[in-house]
Amino acid sequence: MGCVVNGPGESKHANIGISLPGTGETPVAPVYVDGVRTVT
């Protein structure tokens, strides 16, 4: 996913998901595994 709007939600629904920072957002990308945030 490309930004914080739907990124975390869609990432949690997937087996593995990453929410990349959109324009002007903090340059970090949280990763979710089976709905749980595991690493940034």
Full PDB file with SEQRES, HELIX, SHEET, SSBOND, CRYST1, ORIGX, SCALE, CONECT and MASTER records, all heavy atoms in Angstrom:
SEQRES   1 A   40  MET GLY CYS VAL VAL ASN GLY PRO GLY GLU SER LYS HIS          
SEQRES   2 A   40  ALA ASN ILE GLY ILE SER LEU PRO GLY THR GLY GLU THR          
SEQRES   3 A   40  PRO VAL ALA PRO VAL TYR VAL ASP GLY VAL ARG THR VAL          
SEQRES   4 A   40  THR                                                          
HELIX    1 AA1 GLY A    7  HIS A   13  1                                   7    
SHEET    1 AA1 3 ILE A  16  ILE A  18  0                                        
SHEET    2 AA1 3 VAL A  31  VAL A  33 -1                                        
SHEET    3 AA1 3 VAL A  36  VAL A  39 -1                                        
CRYST1    1.000    1.000    1.000  90.00  90.00  90.00 P 1           1          
ORIGX1      1.000000  0.000000  0.000000        0.00000                         
ORIGX2      0.000000  1.000000  0.000000        0.00000                         
ORIGX3      0.000000  0.000000  1.000000        0.00000                         
SCALE1      1.000000  0.000000  0.000000        0.00000                         
SCALE2      0.000000  1.000000  0.000000        0.00000                         
SCALE3      0.000000  0.000000  1.000000        0.00000                         
ATOM      1  N   MET A   1       0.827  -1.208   0.000  1.00  0.00           N  
ATOM      2  CA  MET A   1       0.000   0.000   0.000  1.00  0.00           C  
ATOM      3  C   MET A   1       0.858   1.252   0.000  1.00  0.00           C  
ATOM      4  O   MET A   1       1.992   1.254   0.480  1.00  0.00           O  
ATOM      5  CB  MET A   1      -0.933  -0.018   1.200  1.00  0.00           C  
ATOM      6  CG  MET A   1      -1.829  -1.262   1.275  1.00  0.00           C  
ATOM      7  SD  MET A   1      -2.924  -1.429  -0.147  1.00  0.00           S  
ATOM      8  CE  MET A   1      -4.011  -0.027   0.103  1.00  0.00           C  
ATOM      9  N   GLY A   2       0.271   2.346  -0.537  1.00  0.00           N  
ATOM     10  CA  GLY A   2       1.073   3.533  -0.786  1.00  0.00           C  
ATOM     11  C   GLY A   2       0.977   4.656   0.211  1.00  0.00           C  
ATOM     12  O   GLY A   2       1.733   5.618   0.129  1.00  0.00           O  
ATOM     13  N   CYS A   3       0.049   4.587   1.178  1.00  0.00           N  
ATOM     14  CA  CYS A   3      -0.030   5.675   2.162  1.00  0.00           C  
ATOM     15  C   CYS A   3      -0.790   5.211   3.388  1.00  0.00           C  
ATOM     16  O   CYS A   3      -1.250   4.078   3.476  1.00  0.00           O  
ATOM     17  CB  CYS A   3      -0.668   6.926   1.554  1.00  0.00           C  
ATOM     18  SG  CYS A   3      -2.460   6.866   1.427  1.00  0.00           S  
ATOM     19  N   VAL A   4      -0.974   6.109   4.333  1.00  0.00           N  
ATOM     20  CA  VAL A   4      -1.535   5.769   5.634  1.00  0.00           C  
ATOM     21  C   VAL A   4      -3.066   5.651   5.621  1.00  0.00           C  
ATOM     22  O   VAL A   4      -3.659   5.135   6.568  1.00  0.00           O  
ATOM     23  CB  VAL A   4      -1.099   6.825   6.679  1.00  0.00           C  
ATOM     24  CG1 VAL A   4      -1.873   8.133   6.468  1.00  0.00           C  
ATOM     25  CG2 VAL A   4      -1.270   6.307   8.102  1.00  0.00           C  
ATOM     26  N   VAL A   5      -3.735   6.117   4.548  1.00  0.00           N  
ATOM     27  CA  VAL A   5      -5.205   6.141   4.548  1.00  0.00           C  
ATOM     28  C   VAL A   5      -5.783   4.734   4.668  1.00  0.00           C  
ATOM     29  O   VAL A   5      -6.510   4.417   5.611  1.00  0.00           O  
ATOM     30  CB  VAL A   5      -5.740   6.846   3.282  1.00  0.00           C  
ATOM     31  CG1 VAL A   5      -7.267   6.741   3.231  1.00  0.00           C  
ATOM     32  CG2 VAL A   5      -5.318   8.306   3.268  1.00  0.00           C  
ATOM     33  N   ASN A   6      -5.497   3.867   3.681  1.00  0.00           N  
ATOM     34  CA  ASN A   6      -5.981   2.489   3.730  1.00  0.00           C  
ATOM     35  C   ASN A   6      -4.860   1.480   3.953  1.00  0.00           C  
ATOM     36  O   ASN A   6      -5.123   0.286   4.090  1.00  0.00           O  
ATOM     37  CB  ASN A   6      -6.705   2.122   2.427  1.00  0.00           C  
ATOM     38  CG  ASN A   6      -8.031   2.844   2.271  1.00  0.00           C  
ATOM     39  OD1 ASN A   6      -8.762   3.005   3.234  1.00  0.00           O  
ATOM     40  ND2 ASN A   6      -8.318   3.293   1.066  1.00  0.00           N  
ATOM     41  N   GLY A   7      -3.617   1.979   3.972  1.00  0.00           N  
ATOM     42  CA  GLY A   7      -2.469   1.078   4.062  1.00  0.00           C  
ATOM     43  C   GLY A   7      -2.480   0.125   5.240  1.00  0.00           C  
ATOM     44  O   GLY A   7      -2.437  -1.100   5.059  1.00  0.00           O  
ATOM     45  N   PRO A   8      -2.554   0.630   6.459  1.00  0.00           N  
ATOM     46  CA  PRO A   8      -2.536  -0.281   7.617  1.00  0.00           C  
ATOM     47  C   PRO A   8      -3.705  -1.255   7.621  1.00  0.00           C  
ATOM     48  O   PRO A   8      -3.544  -2.436   7.933  1.00  0.00           O  
ATOM     49  CB  PRO A   8      -2.589   0.675   8.807  1.00  0.00           C  
ATOM     50  CG  PRO A   8      -1.993   1.948   8.288  1.00  0.00           C  
ATOM     51  CD  PRO A   8      -2.462   2.046   6.873  1.00  0.00           C  
ATOM     52  N   GLY A   9      -4.909  -0.776   7.256  1.00  0.00           N  
ATOM     53  CA  GLY A   9      -6.077  -1.652   7.271  1.00  0.00           C  
ATOM     54  C   GLY A   9      -5.953  -2.797   6.276  1.00  0.00           C  
ATOM     55  O   GLY A   9      -6.183  -3.964   6.613  1.00  0.00           O  
ATOM     56  N   GLU A  10      -5.578  -2.475   5.039  1.00  0.00           N  
ATOM     57  CA  GLU A  10      -5.418  -3.522   4.025  1.00  0.00           C  
ATOM     58  C   GLU A  10      -4.267  -4.455   4.391  1.00  0.00           C  
ATOM     59  O   GLU A  10      -4.330  -5.668   4.160  1.00  0.00           O  
ATOM     60  CB  GLU A  10      -5.166  -2.898   2.647  1.00  0.00           C  
ATOM     61  CG  GLU A  10      -6.386  -2.237   2.023  1.00  0.00           C  
ATOM     62  CD  GLU A  10      -7.428  -3.244   1.539  1.00  0.00           C  
ATOM     63  OE1 GLU A  10      -7.150  -4.464   1.562  1.00  0.00           O  
ATOM     64  OE2 GLU A  10      -8.531  -2.806   1.158  1.00  0.00           O  
ATOM     65  N   SER A  11      -3.213  -3.897   4.962  1.00  0.00           N  
ATOM     66  CA  SER A  11      -2.062  -4.714   5.347  1.00  0.00           C  
ATOM     67  C   SER A  11      -2.426  -5.714   6.431  1.00  0.00           C  
ATOM     68  O   SER A  11      -1.933  -6.843   6.450  1.00  0.00           O  
ATOM     69  CB  SER A  11      -0.914  -3.815   5.832  1.00  0.00           C  
ATOM     70  OG  SER A  11      -0.449  -2.990   4.780  1.00  0.00           O  
ATOM     71  N   LYS A  12      -3.308  -5.315   7.339  1.00  0.00           N  
ATOM     72  CA  LYS A  12      -3.739  -6.223   8.405  1.00  0.00           C  
ATOM     73  C   LYS A  12      -4.610  -7.354   7.869  1.00  0.00           C  
ATOM     74  O   LYS A  12      -4.596  -8.459   8.402  1.00  0.00           O  
ATOM     75  CB  LYS A  12      -4.511  -5.437   9.475  1.00  0.00           C  
ATOM     76  CG  LYS A  12      -3.653  -4.489  10.298  1.00  0.00           C  
ATOM     77  CD  LYS A  12      -4.517  -3.689  11.261  1.00  0.00           C  
ATOM     78  CE  LYS A  12      -3.687  -2.675  12.047  1.00  0.00           C  
ATOM     79  NZ  LYS A  12      -4.523  -1.840  12.944  1.00  0.00           N  
ATOM     80  N   HIS A  13      -5.381  -7.081   6.813  1.00  0.00           N  
ATOM     81  CA  HIS A  13      -6.261  -8.107   6.241  1.00  0.00           C  
ATOM     82  C   HIS A  13      -5.476  -9.153   5.445  1.00  0.00           C  
ATOM     83  O   HIS A  13      -5.941 -10.287   5.278  1.00  0.00           O  
ATOM     84  CB  HIS A  13      -7.312  -7.472   5.327  1.00  0.00           C  
ATOM     85  CG  HIS A  13      -8.379  -6.721   6.067  1.00  0.00           C  
ATOM     86  ND1 HIS A  13      -9.124  -7.294   7.069  1.00  0.00           N  
ATOM     87  CD2 HIS A  13      -8.826  -5.446   5.951  1.00  0.00           C  
ATOM     88  CE1 HIS A  13      -9.989  -6.403   7.540  1.00  0.00           C  
ATOM     89  NE2 HIS A  13      -9.830  -5.279   6.881  1.00  0.00           N  
ATOM     90  N   ALA A  14      -4.308  -8.786   4.933  1.00  0.00           N  
ATOM     91  CA  ALA A  14      -3.502  -9.710   4.131  1.00  0.00           C  
ATOM     92  C   ALA A  14      -2.666 -10.607   5.036  1.00  0.00           C  
ATOM     93  O   ALA A  14      -2.533 -10.363   6.242  1.00  0.00           O  
ATOM     94  CB  ALA A  14      -2.589  -8.917   3.197  1.00  0.00           C  
ATOM     95  N   ASN A  15      -2.099 -11.671   4.445  1.00  0.00           N  
ATOM     96  CA  ASN A  15      -1.169 -12.502   5.211  1.00  0.00           C  
ATOM     97  C   ASN A  15       0.054 -11.687   5.610  1.00  0.00           C  
ATOM     98  O   ASN A  15       0.527 -11.756   6.755  1.00  0.00           O  
ATOM     99  CB  ASN A  15      -0.729 -13.710   4.387  1.00  0.00           C  
ATOM    100  CG  ASN A  15      -1.873 -14.649   4.066  1.00  0.00           C  
ATOM    101  OD1 ASN A  15      -2.413 -14.623   2.974  1.00  0.00           O  
ATOM    102  ND2 ASN A  15      -2.270 -15.475   5.028  1.00  0.00           N  
ATOM    103  N   ILE A  16       0.572 -10.933   4.661  1.00  0.00           N  
ATOM    104  CA  ILE A  16       1.687 -10.020   4.916  1.00  0.00           C  
ATOM    105  C   ILE A  16       1.368  -8.714   4.219  1.00  0.00           C  
ATOM    106  O   ILE A  16       0.899  -8.711   3.071  1.00  0.00           O  
ATOM    107  CB  ILE A  16       3.022 -10.552   4.336  1.00  0.00           C  
ATOM    108  CG1 ILE A  16       3.287 -11.973   4.784  1.00  0.00           C  
ATOM    109  CG2 ILE A  16       4.183  -9.656   4.734  1.00  0.00           C  
ATOM    110  CD1 ILE A  16       4.507 -12.577   4.126  1.00  0.00           C  
ATOM    111  N   GLY A  17       1.610  -7.608   4.879  1.00  0.00           N  
ATOM    112  CA  GLY A  17       1.339  -6.318   4.264  1.00  0.00           C  
ATOM    113  C   GLY A  17       2.349  -5.278   4.667  1.00  0.00           C  
ATOM    114  O   GLY A  17       2.916  -5.333   5.770  1.00  0.00           O  
ATOM    115  N   ILE A  18       2.569  -4.324   3.772  1.00  0.00           N  
ATOM    116  CA  ILE A  18       3.467  -3.211   4.066  1.00  0.00           C  
ATOM    117  C   ILE A  18       2.765  -1.928   3.660  1.00  0.00           C  
ATOM    118  O   ILE A  18       2.132  -1.852   2.606  1.00  0.00           O  
ATOM    119  CB  ILE A  18       4.823  -3.362   3.333  1.00  0.00           C  
ATOM    120  CG1 ILE A  18       5.776  -2.228   3.750  1.00  0.00           C  
ATOM    121  CG2 ILE A  18       4.643  -3.397   1.821  1.00  0.00           C  
ATOM    122  CD1 ILE A  18       7.207  -2.453   3.273  1.00  0.00           C  
ATOM    123  N   SER A  19       2.835  -0.927   4.518  1.00  0.00           N  
ATOM    124  CA  SER A  19       2.229   0.371   4.253  1.00  0.00           C  
ATOM    125  C   SER A  19       3.344   1.391   4.082  1.00  0.00           C  
ATOM    126  O   SER A  19       3.949   1.835   5.059  1.00  0.00           O  
ATOM    127  CB  SER A  19       1.303   0.766   5.407  1.00  0.00           C  
ATOM    128  OG  SER A  19       0.714   2.026   5.164  1.00  0.00           O  
ATOM    129  N   LEU A  20       3.619   1.730   2.835  1.00  0.00           N  
ATOM    130  CA  LEU A  20       4.694   2.671   2.532  1.00  0.00           C  
ATOM    131  C   LEU A  20       4.244   4.102   2.808  1.00  0.00           C  
ATOM    132  O   LEU A  20       3.044   4.399   2.769  1.00  0.00           O  
ATOM    133  CB  LEU A  20       5.123   2.518   1.071  1.00  0.00           C  
ATOM    134  CG  LEU A  20       5.783   1.168   0.752  1.00  0.00           C  
ATOM    135  CD1 LEU A  20       5.776   0.907  -0.741  1.00  0.00           C  
ATOM    136  CD2 LEU A  20       7.207   1.136   1.276  1.00  0.00           C  
ATOM    137  N   PRO A  21       5.176   4.995   3.081  1.00  0.00           N  
ATOM    138  CA  PRO A  21       4.805   6.381   3.391  1.00  0.00           C  
ATOM    139  C   PRO A  21       4.364   7.136   2.147  1.00  0.00           C  
ATOM    140  O   PRO A  21       4.988   7.057   1.085  1.00  0.00           O  
ATOM    141  CB  PRO A  21       6.099   6.971   3.964  1.00  0.00           C  
ATOM    142  CG  PRO A  21       7.192   6.161   3.338  1.00  0.00           C  
ATOM    143  CD  PRO A  21       6.630   4.775   3.199  1.00  0.00           C  
ATOM    144  N   GLY A  22       3.259   7.880   2.281  1.00  0.00           N  
ATOM    145  CA  GLY A  22       2.820   8.738   1.200  1.00  0.00           C  
ATOM    146  C   GLY A  22       3.544  10.076   1.265  1.00  0.00           C  
ATOM    147  O   GLY A  22       4.389  10.318   2.144  1.00  0.00           O  
ATOM    148  N   THR A  23       3.197  10.953   0.330  1.00  0.00           N  
ATOM    149  CA  THR A  23       3.838  12.266   0.270  1.00  0.00           C  
ATOM    150  C   THR A  23       3.614  13.035   1.572  1.00  0.00           C  
ATOM    151  O   THR A  23       2.480  13.163   2.037  1.00  0.00           O  
ATOM    152  CB  THR A  23       3.256  13.067  -0.909  1.00  0.00           C  
ATOM    153  OG1 THR A  23       3.428  12.317  -2.103  1.00  0.00           O  
ATOM    154  CG2 THR A  23       3.956  14.411  -1.047  1.00  0.00           C  
ATOM    155  N   GLY A  24       4.686  13.509   2.182  1.00  0.00           N  
ATOM    156  CA  GLY A  24       4.594  14.289   3.406  1.00  0.00           C  
ATOM    157  C   GLY A  24       4.454  13.474   4.672  1.00  0.00           C  
ATOM    158  O   GLY A  24       4.385  14.041   5.765  1.00  0.00           O  
ATOM    159  N   GLU A  25       4.394  12.141   4.550  1.00  0.00           N  
ATOM    160  CA  GLU A  25       4.260  11.290   5.731  1.00  0.00           C  
ATOM    161  C   GLU A  25       5.640  10.893   6.253  1.00  0.00           C  
ATOM    162  O   GLU A  25       6.646  10.968   5.552  1.00  0.00           O  
ATOM    163  CB  GLU A  25       3.447  10.033   5.384  1.00  0.00           C  
ATOM    164  CG  GLU A  25       2.010  10.331   4.991  1.00  0.00           C  
ATOM    165  CD  GLU A  25       1.247   9.077   4.564  1.00  0.00           C  
ATOM    166  OE1 GLU A  25       1.775   7.966   4.748  1.00  0.00           O  
ATOM    167  OE2 GLU A  25       0.131   9.216   4.038  1.00  0.00           O  
ATOM    168  N   THR A  26       5.664  10.464   7.501  1.00  0.00           N  
ATOM    169  CA  THR A  26       6.923  10.017   8.114  1.00  0.00           C  
ATOM    170  C   THR A  26       7.512   8.878   7.275  1.00  0.00           C  
ATOM    171  O   THR A  26       6.813   7.916   6.948  1.00  0.00           O  
ATOM    172  CB  THR A  26       6.678   9.514   9.545  1.00  0.00           C  
ATOM    173  OG1 THR A  26       6.030  10.554  10.292  1.00  0.00           O  
ATOM    174  CG2 THR A  26       7.984   9.124  10.219  1.00  0.00           C  
ATOM    175  N   PRO A  27       8.796   8.965   6.889  1.00  0.00           N  
ATOM    176  CA  PRO A  27       9.411   7.983   5.980  1.00  0.00           C  
ATOM    177  C   PRO A  27       9.692   6.632   6.634  1.00  0.00           C  
ATOM    178  O   PRO A  27      10.854   6.210   6.763  1.00  0.00           O  
ATOM    179  CB  PRO A  27      10.695   8.676   5.542  1.00  0.00           C  
ATOM    180  CG  PRO A  27      11.052   9.559   6.685  1.00  0.00           C  
ATOM    181  CD  PRO A  27       9.751  10.044   7.246  1.00  0.00           C  
ATOM    182  N   VAL A  28       8.625   5.981   7.079  1.00  0.00           N  
ATOM    183  CA  VAL A  28       8.757   4.647   7.655  1.00  0.00           C  
ATOM    184  C   VAL A  28       7.681   3.757   7.037  1.00  0.00           C  
ATOM    185  O   VAL A  28       6.656   4.233   6.555  1.00  0.00           O  
ATOM    186  CB  VAL A  28       8.608   4.661   9.192  1.00  0.00           C  
ATOM    187  CG1 VAL A  28       9.739   5.453   9.824  1.00  0.00           C  
ATOM    188  CG2 VAL A  28       7.246   5.219   9.606  1.00  0.00           C  
ATOM    189  N   ALA A  29       7.920   2.444   7.047  1.00  0.00           N  
ATOM    190  CA  ALA A  29       6.980   1.501   6.431  1.00  0.00           C  
ATOM    191  C   ALA A  29       6.692   0.363   7.390  1.00  0.00           C  
ATOM    192  O   ALA A  29       7.462  -0.599   7.493  1.00  0.00           O  
ATOM    193  CB  ALA A  29       7.562   0.972   5.122  1.00  0.00           C  
ATOM    194  N   PRO A  30       5.580   0.430   8.125  1.00  0.00           N  
ATOM    195  CA  PRO A  30       5.228  -0.665   9.026  1.00  0.00           C  
ATOM    196  C   PRO A  30       4.841  -1.920   8.242  1.00  0.00           C  
ATOM    197  O   PRO A  30       4.178  -1.839   7.206  1.00  0.00           O  
ATOM    198  CB  PRO A  30       4.038  -0.115   9.815  1.00  0.00           C  
ATOM    199  CG  PRO A  30       3.453   0.942   8.936  1.00  0.00           C  
ATOM    200  CD  PRO A  30       4.607   1.537   8.189  1.00  0.00           C  
ATOM    201  N   VAL A  31       5.250  -3.075   8.767  1.00  0.00           N  
ATOM    202  CA  VAL A  31       4.949  -4.361   8.148  1.00  0.00           C  
ATOM    203  C   VAL A  31       4.043  -5.146   9.085  1.00  0.00           C  
ATOM    204  O   VAL A  31       4.288  -5.216  10.300  1.00  0.00           O  
ATOM    205  CB  VAL A  31       6.240  -5.161   7.863  1.00  0.00           C  
ATOM    206  CG1 VAL A  31       5.909  -6.563   7.353  1.00  0.00           C  
ATOM    207  CG2 VAL A  31       7.116  -4.421   6.858  1.00  0.00           C  
ATOM    208  N   TYR A  32       2.998  -5.753   8.516  1.00  0.00           N  
ATOM    209  CA  TYR A  32       2.042  -6.535   9.288  1.00  0.00           C  
ATOM    210  C   TYR A  32       2.092  -7.991   8.830  1.00  0.00           C  
ATOM    211  O   TYR A  32       2.079  -8.279   7.629  1.00  0.00           O  
ATOM    212  CB  TYR A  32       0.626  -5.982   9.102  1.00  0.00           C  
ATOM    213  CG  TYR A  32       0.456  -4.564   9.598  1.00  0.00           C  
ATOM    214  CD1 TYR A  32       0.844  -3.479   8.810  1.00  0.00           C  
ATOM    215  CD2 TYR A  32      -0.075  -4.307  10.852  1.00  0.00           C  
ATOM    216  CE1 TYR A  32       0.700  -2.178   9.254  1.00  0.00           C  
ATOM    217  CE2 TYR A  32      -0.228  -3.002  11.311  1.00  0.00           C  
ATOM    218  CZ  TYR A  32       0.160  -1.943  10.512  1.00  0.00           C  
ATOM    219  OH  TYR A  32       0.025  -0.653  10.966  1.00  0.00           O  
ATOM    220  N   VAL A  33       2.148  -8.904   9.779  1.00  0.00           N  
ATOM    221  CA  VAL A  33       2.151 -10.329   9.487  1.00  0.00           C  
ATOM    222  C   VAL A  33       0.973 -10.956  10.214  1.00  0.00           C  
ATOM    223  O   VAL A  33       0.874 -10.868  11.446  1.00  0.00           O  
ATOM    224  CB  VAL A  33       3.469 -10.991   9.935  1.00  0.00           C  
ATOM    225  CG1 VAL A  33       3.409 -12.499   9.717  1.00  0.00           C  
ATOM    226  CG2 VAL A  33       4.654 -10.389   9.183  1.00  0.00           C  
ATOM    227  N   ASP A  34       0.067 -11.545   9.450  1.00  0.00           N  
ATOM    228  CA  ASP A  34      -1.164 -12.127  10.009  1.00  0.00           C  
ATOM    229  C   ASP A  34      -1.888 -11.136  10.913  1.00  0.00           C  
ATOM    230  O   ASP A  34      -2.363 -11.473  12.008  1.00  0.00           O  
ATOM    231  CB  ASP A  34      -0.856 -13.422  10.766  1.00  0.00           C  
ATOM    232  CG  ASP A  34      -0.434 -14.555   9.833  1.00  0.00           C  
ATOM    233  OD1 ASP A  34      -0.906 -14.574   8.679  1.00  0.00           O  
ATOM    234  OD2 ASP A  34       0.368 -15.399  10.251  1.00  0.00           O  
ATOM    235  N   GLY A  35      -1.942  -9.879  10.464  1.00  0.00           N  
ATOM    236  CA  GLY A  35      -2.699  -8.852  11.157  1.00  0.00           C  
ATOM    237  C   GLY A  35      -1.971  -8.143  12.282  1.00  0.00           C  
ATOM    238  O   GLY A  35      -2.515  -7.221  12.887  1.00  0.00           O  
ATOM    239  N   VAL A  36      -0.751  -8.565  12.566  1.00  0.00           N  
ATOM    240  CA  VAL A  36       0.005  -7.983  13.684  1.00  0.00           C  
ATOM    241  C   VAL A  36       1.204  -7.204  13.150  1.00  0.00           C  
ATOM    242  O   VAL A  36       1.966  -7.712  12.312  1.00  0.00           O  
ATOM    243  CB  VAL A  36       0.492  -9.080  14.650  1.00  0.00           C  
ATOM    244  CG1 VAL A  36       1.313  -8.463  15.784  1.00  0.00           C  
ATOM    245  CG2 VAL A  36      -0.704  -9.859  15.208  1.00  0.00           C  
ATOM    246  N   ARG A  37       1.369  -5.977  13.638  1.00  0.00           N  
ATOM    247  CA  ARG A  37       2.530  -5.181  13.233  1.00  0.00           C  
ATOM    248  C   ARG A  37       3.778  -5.791  13.859  1.00  0.00           C  
ATOM    249  O   ARG A  37       3.872  -5.926  15.086  1.00  0.00           O  
ATOM    250  CB  ARG A  37       2.348  -3.738  13.687  1.00  0.00           C  
ATOM    251  CG  ARG A  37       3.490  -2.815  13.280  1.00  0.00           C  
ATOM    252  CD  ARG A  37       3.115  -1.368  13.536  1.00  0.00           C  
ATOM    253  NE  ARG A  37       4.212  -0.460  13.246  1.00  0.00           N  
ATOM    254  CZ  ARG A  37       4.092   0.861  13.181  1.00  0.00           C  
ATOM    255  NH1 ARG A  37       2.901   1.426  13.391  1.00  0.00           N  
ATOM    256  NH2 ARG A  37       5.133   1.625  12.919  1.00  0.00           N  
ATOM    257  N   THR A  38       4.733  -6.167  13.020  1.00  0.00           N  
ATOM    258  CA  THR A  38       5.913  -6.883  13.510  1.00  0.00           C  
ATOM    259  C   THR A  38       7.196  -6.080  13.433  1.00  0.00           C  
ATOM    260  O   THR A  38       8.101  -6.274  14.246  1.00  0.00           O  
ATOM    261  CB  THR A  38       6.116  -8.185  12.713  1.00  0.00           C  
ATOM    262  OG1 THR A  38       6.267  -7.875  11.319  1.00  0.00           O  
ATOM    263  CG2 THR A  38       4.940  -9.128  12.906  1.00  0.00           C  
ATOM    264  N   VAL A  39       7.298  -5.196  12.444  1.00  0.00           N  
ATOM    265  CA  VAL A  39       8.539  -4.452  12.263  1.00  0.00           C  
ATOM    266  C   VAL A  39       8.234  -3.206  11.441  1.00  0.00           C  
ATOM    267  O   VAL A  39       7.231  -3.145  10.721  1.00  0.00           O  
ATOM    268  CB  VAL A  39       9.597  -5.328  11.536  1.00  0.00           C  
ATOM    269  CG1 VAL A  39       9.165  -5.637  10.104  1.00  0.00           C  
ATOM    270  CG2 VAL A  39      10.981  -4.675  11.557  1.00  0.00           C  
ATOM    271  N   THR A  40       9.098  -2.220  11.558  1.00  0.00           N  
ATOM    272  CA  THR A  40       8.981  -1.009  10.753  1.00  0.00           C  
ATOM    273  C   THR A  40      10.267  -0.859   9.940  1.00  0.00           C  
ATOM    274  O   THR A  40      11.367  -0.838  10.514  1.00  0.00           O  
ATOM    275  CB  THR A  40       8.774   0.232  11.635  1.00  0.00           C  
ATOM    276  OG1 THR A  40       7.555   0.080  12.377  1.00  0.00           O  
ATOM    277  CG2 THR A  40       8.681   1.486  10.783  1.00  0.00           C  
TER     278      THR A  40                                                      
MASTER        0    0    0    1    3    0    0    6  277    1    0    4          
END                                                                             
